[in-house]
Amino acid sequence: MQTNKNLSQCSIGKYQRAIRAVSKDMNEEGVIDFDLYSITSAHQFYSLKKEIFGNDYFDSKDTRGNRMYSVAMNHYYEFLCSRE
């Protein structure tokens, strides 16, 4: 998830764990039936990100987590954009 932003390895690890948590939660919520890391297209990820951000469970968890999950999703989107 290294992009042109200067994120520390520690921050990258935390964001990666957050993406895995979102993937697990959204699978359990029935929003998706795959791992978010299987998406390699920024365009596809952006569309899915909007849907996830509209999910009540995600919003509640993201609020409790001080927006860590939405920030992680945004960083991953930027990472995908940088690869295209």
Protein backbone atom coordinates (compact mmCIF):
# COMPACT_ATOMS: atom_id res chain seq x y z
CA MET A 1 0.00 0.00 0.00
CA GLN A 2 3.00 2.25 -0.43
CA THR A 3 2.15 5.29 -2.56
CA ASN A 4 3.72 8.67 -2.98
CA LYS A 5 2.51 9.50 0.54
CA ASN A 6 5.07 9.04 3.24
CA LEU A 7 3.27 6.49 5.40
CA SER A 8 5.33 4.60 7.92
CA GLN A 9 5.44 0.82 7.74
CA CYS A 10 3.52 0.79 11.03
CA SER A 11 0.72 2.92 9.55
CA ILE A 12 0.61 0.78 6.42
CA GLY A 13 0.22 -2.33 8.58
CA LYS A 14 -2.62 -0.75 10.55
CA TYR A 15 -4.42 0.28 7.37
CA GLN A 16 -3.97 -3.20 5.90
CA ARG A 17 -5.52 -4.74 9.02
CA ALA A 18 -8.38 -2.24 8.77
CA ILE A 19 -9.05 -3.25 5.14
CA ARG A 20 -9.10 -6.92 6.17
CA ALA A 21 -11.57 -6.07 8.96
CA VAL A 22 -13.82 -4.14 6.55
CA SER A 23 -13.66 -7.04 4.10
CA LYS A 24 -14.65 -9.52 6.81
CA ASP A 25 -17.43 -7.30 8.15
CA MET A 26 -18.90 -6.58 4.73
CA ASN A 27 -18.85 -10.28 3.89
CA GLU A 28 -20.75 -10.97 7.11
CA GLU A 29 -23.17 -8.13 6.30
CA GLY A 30 -23.79 -9.62 2.84
CA VAL A 31 -22.54 -6.51 1.05
CA ILE A 32 -19.76 -8.43 -0.71
CA ASP A 33 -18.84 -12.10 -1.10
CA PHE A 34 -15.11 -11.74 -1.78
CA ASP A 35 -11.95 -10.28 -0.28
CA LEU A 36 -11.50 -6.54 -0.90
CA TYR A 37 -7.86 -7.21 -1.76
CA SER A 38 -9.03 -9.21 -4.80
CA ILE A 39 -10.08 -5.92 -6.44
CA THR A 40 -7.26 -4.50 -8.53
CA SER A 41 -9.18 -1.81 -10.44
CA ALA A 42 -9.42 1.63 -8.84
CA HIS A 43 -12.71 2.22 -10.68
CA GLN A 44 -14.28 -0.97 -9.33
CA PHE A 45 -12.98 -0.26 -5.84
CA TYR A 46 -14.37 3.30 -5.92
CA SER A 47 -17.86 2.05 -6.77
CA LEU A 48 -17.72 -0.54 -4.01
CA LYS A 49 -16.26 1.97 -1.55
CA LYS A 50 -19.32 4.21 -2.01
CA GLU A 51 -21.61 1.27 -1.29
CA ILE A 52 -19.63 0.26 1.81
CA PHE A 53 -19.54 3.84 3.11
CA GLY A 54 -23.36 3.82 2.91
CA ASN A 55 -23.66 0.70 5.07
CA ASP A 56 -24.98 1.41 8.58
CA TYR A 57 -22.77 -1.20 10.26
CA PHE A 58 -19.66 0.22 8.57
CA ASP A 59 -20.63 3.78 9.49
CA SER A 60 -21.16 2.83 13.13
CA LYS A 61 -17.85 0.95 13.37
CA ASP A 62 -16.02 3.70 11.49
CA THR A 63 -17.41 6.33 13.88
CA ARG A 64 -16.33 4.28 16.92
CA GLY A 65 -12.91 3.82 15.32
CA ASN A 66 -12.43 7.56 14.72
CA ARG A 67 -12.77 7.12 10.93
CA MET A 68 -9.85 4.68 10.78
CA TYR A 69 -11.74 2.35 8.42
CA SER A 70 -12.80 5.01 5.93
CA VAL A 71 -9.28 6.47 5.95
CA ALA A 72 -7.87 2.99 5.27
CA MET A 73 -10.31 2.53 2.38
CA ASN A 74 -9.33 5.93 0.96
CA HIS A 75 -5.62 5.12 1.21
CA TYR A 76 -6.17 1.79 -0.55
CA TYR A 77 -8.12 3.56 -3.30
CA GLU A 78 -5.22 6.01 -3.75
CA PHE A 79 -2.83 3.07 -3.87
CA LEU A 80 -4.89 1.41 -6.63
CA CYS A 81 -5.03 4.70 -8.55
CA SER A 82 -1.25 5.02 -8.38
CA ARG A 83 -0.88 1.58 -10.01
CA GLU A 84 -3.02 2.39 -13.05
